[in-house]
Amino acid sequence: MPQRSEFLDFVIGQMGALGQITARTMFGGHGLYCNGLFIAIIASEQLYLKADAQSQPRFEAAGLKRFQYQARGKTVRLMYYEAPTEVYDDARVMTDWGQLALAAAVRARRPARQKMH
């Protein structure tokens, strides 16, 4: 099980303006939750933020890489993108990018609307 690290504690502190940030171990790293919503992954001392079809273009325009890992000889790519390095220097920048991840998590949890007949 991965140990809590200074990096993890630092990221949690930087994300504090988003809401209550908690961490759970996963993927050999940690999953970060904001007010109970899964918004980020920390793996190998790198932060990856949740994206979706709406926010993905911003991550790609910034040249950020998608989170991936190997499973059963295949590469698995998740909709989480590395955070830009500026988030570590400025809590406001972390909040901006974190809000993108939080918005993607909110959109992901909304139930599909039923069609009206």
N, C-alpha and C. Protein backbone atom coordinates (compact mmCIF):
# COMPACT_ATOMS: atom_id res chain seq x y z
N MET A 1 0.85 -1.18 0.00
CA MET A 1 0.00 0.00 0.00
C MET A 1 0.89 1.24 0.00
N PRO A 2 0.61 2.21 -0.88
CA PRO A 2 1.44 3.41 -0.94
C PRO A 2 1.32 4.23 0.34
N GLN A 3 2.41 4.79 0.73
CA GLN A 3 2.44 5.65 1.91
C GLN A 3 2.03 7.07 1.52
N ARG A 4 1.47 7.78 2.49
CA ARG A 4 1.22 9.21 2.27
C ARG A 4 2.58 9.87 2.09
N SER A 5 2.64 10.79 1.17
CA SER A 5 3.91 11.45 0.89
C SER A 5 3.74 12.95 1.08
N GLU A 6 4.87 13.64 1.13
CA GLU A 6 4.84 15.10 1.19
C GLU A 6 4.15 15.65 -0.05
N PHE A 7 4.36 15.00 -1.20
CA PHE A 7 3.73 15.45 -2.44
C PHE A 7 2.21 15.36 -2.32
N LEU A 8 1.70 14.24 -1.85
CA LEU A 8 0.26 14.06 -1.67
C LEU A 8 -0.30 15.13 -0.74
N ASP A 9 0.34 15.33 0.40
CA ASP A 9 -0.13 16.34 1.35
C ASP A 9 -0.08 17.74 0.74
N PHE A 10 0.95 18.03 -0.04
CA PHE A 10 1.07 19.32 -0.70
C PHE A 10 -0.09 19.53 -1.68
N VAL A 11 -0.37 18.53 -2.51
CA VAL A 11 -1.45 18.65 -3.50
C VAL A 11 -2.78 18.85 -2.79
N ILE A 12 -3.04 18.10 -1.73
CA ILE A 12 -4.28 18.25 -0.98
C ILE A 12 -4.39 19.69 -0.46
N GLY A 13 -3.30 20.23 0.04
CA GLY A 13 -3.30 21.62 0.51
C GLY A 13 -3.57 22.61 -0.60
N GLN A 14 -2.94 22.39 -1.76
CA GLN A 14 -3.13 23.29 -2.91
C GLN A 14 -4.57 23.26 -3.42
N MET A 15 -5.25 22.13 -3.27
CA MET A 15 -6.61 21.97 -3.77
C MET A 15 -7.68 22.41 -2.76
N GLY A 16 -7.26 22.85 -1.61
CA GLY A 16 -8.19 23.15 -0.52
C GLY A 16 -9.34 24.08 -0.86
N ALA A 17 -9.14 25.02 -1.78
CA ALA A 17 -10.20 25.97 -2.14
C ALA A 17 -11.37 25.30 -2.86
N LEU A 18 -11.17 24.09 -3.38
CA LEU A 18 -12.22 23.39 -4.11
C LEU A 18 -13.28 22.81 -3.19
N GLY A 19 -12.89 22.45 -1.98
CA GLY A 19 -13.80 21.79 -1.04
C GLY A 19 -13.00 20.84 -0.17
N GLN A 20 -13.69 19.87 0.43
CA GLN A 20 -13.01 18.89 1.28
C GLN A 20 -12.31 17.85 0.41
N ILE A 21 -10.99 17.84 0.45
CA ILE A 21 -10.18 16.92 -0.36
C ILE A 21 -9.76 15.75 0.52
N THR A 22 -10.04 14.53 0.04
CA THR A 22 -9.62 13.32 0.74
C THR A 22 -8.88 12.42 -0.25
N ALA A 23 -8.08 11.50 0.27
CA ALA A 23 -7.30 10.59 -0.57
C ALA A 23 -7.56 9.15 -0.17
N ARG A 24 -7.60 8.27 -1.18
CA ARG A 24 -7.72 6.83 -0.97
C ARG A 24 -6.66 6.15 -1.82
N THR A 25 -6.10 5.07 -1.32
CA THR A 25 -5.09 4.36 -2.10
C THR A 25 -5.74 3.65 -3.27
N MET A 26 -5.04 3.68 -4.43
CA MET A 26 -5.49 3.00 -5.65
C MET A 26 -4.41 3.05 -6.71
N PHE A 27 -4.44 2.14 -7.67
CA PHE A 27 -3.49 2.12 -8.79
C PHE A 27 -2.04 2.20 -8.33
N GLY A 28 -1.73 1.73 -7.15
CA GLY A 28 -0.38 1.87 -6.63
C GLY A 28 -0.08 3.31 -6.25
N GLY A 29 -1.10 4.15 -6.24
CA GLY A 29 -0.96 5.56 -5.87
C GLY A 29 -2.15 5.96 -5.02
N HIS A 30 -2.73 7.12 -5.33
CA HIS A 30 -3.89 7.61 -4.57
C HIS A 30 -4.93 8.20 -5.50
N GLY A 31 -6.18 8.03 -5.13
CA GLY A 31 -7.28 8.73 -5.77
C GLY A 31 -7.65 9.91 -4.89
N LEU A 32 -7.90 11.06 -5.50
CA LEU A 32 -8.29 12.24 -4.75
C LEU A 32 -9.76 12.53 -4.99
N TYR A 33 -10.45 12.85 -3.93
CA TYR A 33 -11.88 13.13 -3.97
C TYR A 33 -12.12 14.53 -3.42
N CYS A 34 -13.06 15.23 -4.05
CA CYS A 34 -13.49 16.54 -3.57
C CYS A 34 -14.96 16.42 -3.20
N ASN A 35 -15.25 16.59 -1.93
CA ASN A 35 -16.62 16.46 -1.43
C ASN A 35 -17.24 15.13 -1.89
N GLY A 36 -16.42 14.08 -1.90
CA GLY A 36 -16.88 12.74 -2.24
C GLY A 36 -16.84 12.38 -3.72
N LEU A 37 -16.48 13.33 -4.60
CA LEU A 37 -16.41 13.06 -6.04
C LEU A 37 -14.96 12.81 -6.45
N PHE A 38 -14.74 11.76 -7.23
CA PHE A 38 -13.40 11.37 -7.67
C PHE A 38 -12.92 12.36 -8.73
N ILE A 39 -11.86 13.13 -8.42
CA ILE A 39 -11.41 14.18 -9.34
C ILE A 39 -9.97 14.05 -9.82
N ALA A 40 -9.16 13.20 -9.18
CA ALA A 40 -7.75 13.16 -9.56
C ALA A 40 -7.10 11.86 -9.12
N ILE A 41 -5.98 11.58 -9.76
CA ILE A 41 -5.13 10.43 -9.43
C ILE A 41 -3.72 10.95 -9.18
N ILE A 42 -3.08 10.43 -8.16
CA ILE A 42 -1.65 10.67 -7.98
C ILE A 42 -0.96 9.33 -8.16
N ALA A 43 -0.07 9.27 -9.15
CA ALA A 43 0.71 8.06 -9.43
C ALA A 43 2.14 8.48 -9.71
N SER A 44 3.08 7.82 -9.07
CA SER A 44 4.51 8.13 -9.26
C SER A 44 4.79 9.62 -9.08
N GLU A 45 4.21 10.19 -8.02
CA GLU A 45 4.43 11.60 -7.68
C GLU A 45 4.03 12.54 -8.82
N GLN A 46 3.01 12.15 -9.58
CA GLN A 46 2.46 12.99 -10.65
C GLN A 46 0.96 13.09 -10.44
N LEU A 47 0.43 14.29 -10.59
CA LEU A 47 -1.01 14.54 -10.45
C LEU A 47 -1.69 14.47 -11.81
N TYR A 48 -2.78 13.72 -11.88
CA TYR A 48 -3.61 13.62 -13.08
C TYR A 48 -5.02 14.06 -12.71
N LEU A 49 -5.59 14.96 -13.49
CA LEU A 49 -6.91 15.51 -13.22
C LEU A 49 -7.97 14.91 -14.13
N LYS A 50 -9.16 14.72 -13.58
CA LYS A 50 -10.27 14.13 -14.34
C LYS A 50 -10.66 15.06 -15.49
N ALA A 51 -10.94 14.44 -16.64
CA ALA A 51 -11.40 15.17 -17.82
C ALA A 51 -12.60 14.43 -18.39
N ASP A 52 -13.31 15.10 -19.27
CA ASP A 52 -14.41 14.48 -20.02
C ASP A 52 -14.43 15.13 -21.39
N ALA A 53 -15.41 14.79 -22.20
CA ALA A 53 -15.46 15.30 -23.57
C ALA A 53 -15.47 16.83 -23.61
N GLN A 54 -16.06 17.45 -22.59
CA GLN A 54 -16.14 18.91 -22.57
C GLN A 54 -14.81 19.56 -22.20
N SER A 55 -14.08 18.98 -21.25
CA SER A 55 -12.83 19.60 -20.79
C SER A 55 -11.57 19.04 -21.46
N GLN A 56 -11.67 17.90 -22.10
CA GLN A 56 -10.51 17.27 -22.74
C GLN A 56 -9.76 18.20 -23.69
N PRO A 57 -10.44 19.01 -24.52
CA PRO A 57 -9.70 19.89 -25.43
C PRO A 57 -8.76 20.86 -24.72
N ARG A 58 -9.13 21.32 -23.52
CA ARG A 58 -8.25 22.24 -22.80
C ARG A 58 -6.96 21.53 -22.35
N PHE A 59 -7.09 20.30 -21.88
CA PHE A 59 -5.92 19.54 -21.47
C PHE A 59 -5.02 19.27 -22.68
N GLU A 60 -5.62 18.88 -23.79
CA GLU A 60 -4.84 18.57 -24.98
C GLU A 60 -4.20 19.82 -25.58
N ALA A 61 -4.91 20.95 -25.54
CA ALA A 61 -4.34 22.20 -26.05
C ALA A 61 -3.11 22.62 -25.25
N ALA A 62 -3.09 22.24 -23.97
CA ALA A 62 -1.94 22.56 -23.11
C ALA A 62 -0.82 21.53 -23.27
N GLY A 63 -1.03 20.52 -24.12
CA GLY A 63 0.01 19.52 -24.36
C GLY A 63 0.19 18.54 -23.22
N LEU A 64 -0.86 18.33 -22.43
CA LEU A 64 -0.76 17.46 -21.26
C LEU A 64 -1.06 16.01 -21.64
N LYS A 65 -0.34 15.09 -21.00
CA LYS A 65 -0.46 13.67 -21.33
C LYS A 65 -1.55 12.99 -20.52
N ARG A 66 -2.17 12.01 -21.15
CA ARG A 66 -3.24 11.24 -20.54
C ARG A 66 -2.66 10.14 -19.65
N PHE A 67 -3.33 9.85 -18.54
CA PHE A 67 -2.92 8.80 -17.62
C PHE A 67 -3.11 7.45 -18.30
N GLN A 68 -2.09 6.62 -18.21
CA GLN A 68 -2.19 5.27 -18.76
C GLN A 68 -1.38 4.31 -17.91
N TYR A 69 -1.76 3.05 -17.99
CA TYR A 69 -1.03 2.00 -17.29
C TYR A 69 -1.17 0.70 -18.09
N GLN A 70 -0.35 -0.28 -17.74
CA GLN A 70 -0.36 -1.57 -18.42
C GLN A 70 -1.16 -2.57 -17.60
N ALA A 71 -2.04 -3.32 -18.28
CA ALA A 71 -2.81 -4.38 -17.63
C ALA A 71 -2.96 -5.52 -18.62
N ARG A 72 -2.52 -6.70 -18.23
CA ARG A 72 -2.61 -7.90 -19.07
C ARG A 72 -2.00 -7.67 -20.45
N GLY A 73 -0.87 -6.97 -20.47
CA GLY A 73 -0.16 -6.75 -21.72
C GLY A 73 -0.75 -5.68 -22.62
N LYS A 74 -1.76 -4.96 -22.14
CA LYS A 74 -2.38 -3.91 -22.93
C LYS A 74 -2.27 -2.57 -22.21
N THR A 75 -2.24 -1.51 -23.00
CA THR A 75 -2.22 -0.17 -22.42
C THR A 75 -3.64 0.29 -22.18
N VAL A 76 -3.91 0.70 -20.96
CA VAL A 76 -5.22 1.23 -20.57
C VAL A 76 -5.06 2.72 -20.37
N ARG A 77 -5.89 3.50 -21.06
CA ARG A 77 -5.85 4.96 -20.95
C ARG A 77 -7.13 5.45 -20.30
N LEU A 78 -6.98 6.20 -19.22
CA LEU A 78 -8.14 6.76 -18.52
C LEU A 78 -8.30 8.23 -18.86
N MET A 79 -9.48 8.77 -18.62
CA MET A 79 -9.75 10.19 -18.90
C MET A 79 -9.27 11.07 -17.75
N TYR A 80 -8.00 10.95 -17.46
CA TYR A 80 -7.31 11.79 -16.48
C TYR A 80 -6.05 12.29 -17.18
N TYR A 81 -5.77 13.58 -17.06
CA TYR A 81 -4.62 14.18 -17.72
C TYR A 81 -3.66 14.76 -16.68
N GLU A 82 -2.37 14.70 -17.01
CA GLU A 82 -1.40 15.27 -16.08
C GLU A 82 -1.72 16.75 -15.87
N ALA A 83 -1.46 17.21 -14.68
CA ALA A 83 -1.68 18.61 -14.35
C ALA A 83 -0.51 19.43 -14.88
N PRO A 84 -0.76 20.65 -15.32
CA PRO A 84 0.35 21.50 -15.75
C PRO A 84 1.24 21.85 -14.55
N THR A 85 2.52 22.02 -14.79
CA THR A 85 3.46 22.26 -13.69
C THR A 85 3.14 23.52 -12.90
N GLU A 86 2.44 24.48 -13.50
CA GLU A 86 2.12 25.74 -12.81
C GLU A 86 1.24 25.52 -11.59
N VAL A 87 0.49 24.40 -11.54
CA VAL A 87 -0.41 24.18 -10.40
C VAL A 87 0.36 24.01 -9.10
N TYR A 88 1.62 23.62 -9.20
CA TYR A 88 2.43 23.40 -8.00
C TYR A 88 2.99 24.70 -7.45
N ASP A 89 3.01 25.74 -8.27
CA ASP A 89 3.56 27.03 -7.86
C ASP A 89 2.51 28.02 -7.40
N ASP A 90 1.25 27.81 -7.77
CA ASP A 90 0.22 28.81 -7.53
C ASP A 90 -1.10 28.12 -7.22
N ALA A 91 -1.60 28.28 -6.01
CA ALA A 91 -2.84 27.63 -5.60
C ALA A 91 -4.02 28.10 -6.44
N ARG A 92 -3.98 29.32 -6.96
CA ARG A 92 -5.07 29.80 -7.82
C ARG A 92 -5.11 29.02 -9.13
N VAL A 93 -3.95 28.71 -9.67
CA VAL A 93 -3.88 27.91 -10.90
C VAL A 93 -4.37 26.49 -10.61
N MET A 94 -3.98 25.95 -9.45
CA MET A 94 -4.47 24.62 -9.05
C MET A 94 -5.99 24.65 -8.94
N THR A 95 -6.53 25.71 -8.38
CA THR A 95 -7.99 25.82 -8.24
C THR A 95 -8.66 25.87 -9.61
N ASP A 96 -8.10 26.63 -10.55
CA ASP A 96 -8.68 26.71 -11.89
C ASP A 96 -8.73 25.33 -12.56
N TRP A 97 -7.61 24.63 -12.55
CA TRP A 97 -7.57 23.30 -13.18
C TRP A 97 -8.39 22.30 -12.37
N GLY A 98 -8.35 22.43 -11.06
CA GLY A 98 -9.14 21.55 -10.20
C GLY A 98 -10.64 21.71 -10.44
N GLN A 99 -11.08 22.94 -10.72
CA GLN A 99 -12.49 23.18 -11.02
C GLN A 99 -12.91 22.46 -12.30
N LEU A 100 -12.00 22.39 -13.27
CA LEU A 100 -12.29 21.61 -14.49
C LEU A 100 -12.54 20.14 -14.14
N ALA A 101 -11.67 19.59 -13.28
CA ALA A 101 -11.80 18.19 -12.88
C ALA A 101 -13.08 17.98 -12.07
N LEU A 102 -13.38 18.90 -11.18
CA LEU A 102 -14.58 18.78 -10.36
C LEU A 102 -15.83 18.86 -11.24
N ALA A 103 -15.84 19.77 -12.20
CA ALA A 103 -16.99 19.90 -13.11
C ALA A 103 -17.19 18.61 -13.91
N ALA A 104 -16.09 17.99 -14.35
CA ALA A 104 -16.19 16.72 -15.08
C ALA A 104 -16.78 15.63 -14.18
N ALA A 105 -16.37 15.62 -12.92
CA ALA A 105 -16.90 14.63 -11.97
C ALA A 105 -18.39 14.86 -11.72
N VAL A 106 -18.80 16.11 -11.61
CA VAL A 106 -20.22 16.42 -11.42
C VAL A 106 -21.02 15.97 -12.63
N ARG A 107 -20.54 16.27 -13.82
CA ARG A 107 -21.25 15.85 -15.03
C ARG A 107 -21.34 14.33 -15.12
N ALA A 108 -20.31 13.62 -14.69
CA ALA A 108 -20.28 12.16 -14.78
C ALA A 108 -21.29 11.52 -13.83
N ARG A 109 -21.62 12.16 -12.75
CA ARG A 109 -22.53 11.53 -11.77
C ARG A 109 -23.99 11.84 -12.03
N ARG A 110 -24.28 12.77 -12.91
CA ARG A 110 -25.67 13.12 -13.19
C ARG A 110 -26.34 11.96 -13.93
N PRO A 111 -27.52 11.58 -13.47
CA PRO A 111 -28.23 10.50 -14.19
C PRO A 111 -28.69 10.99 -15.57
N ALA A 112 -28.74 10.07 -16.50
CA ALA A 112 -29.20 10.41 -17.85
C ALA A 112 -30.66 10.82 -17.78
N ARG A 113 -31.01 11.82 -18.54
CA ARG A 113 -32.40 12.27 -18.56
C ARG A 113 -33.25 11.28 -19.34
N GLN A 114 -34.42 11.04 -18.82
CA GLN A 114 -35.34 10.14 -19.50
C GLN A 114 -36.08 10.92 -20.57
N LYS A 115 -36.36 10.24 -21.69
CA LYS A 115 -37.09 10.89 -22.77
C LYS A 115 -38.55 11.02 -22.38
N MET A 116 -39.12 12.15 -22.72
CA MET A 116 -40.54 12.39 -22.47
C MET A 116 -41.34 11.82 -23.65
N HIS A 117 -42.42 11.14 -23.37
CA HIS A 117 -43.26 10.58 -24.44
C HIS A 117 -44.50 11.40 -24.59
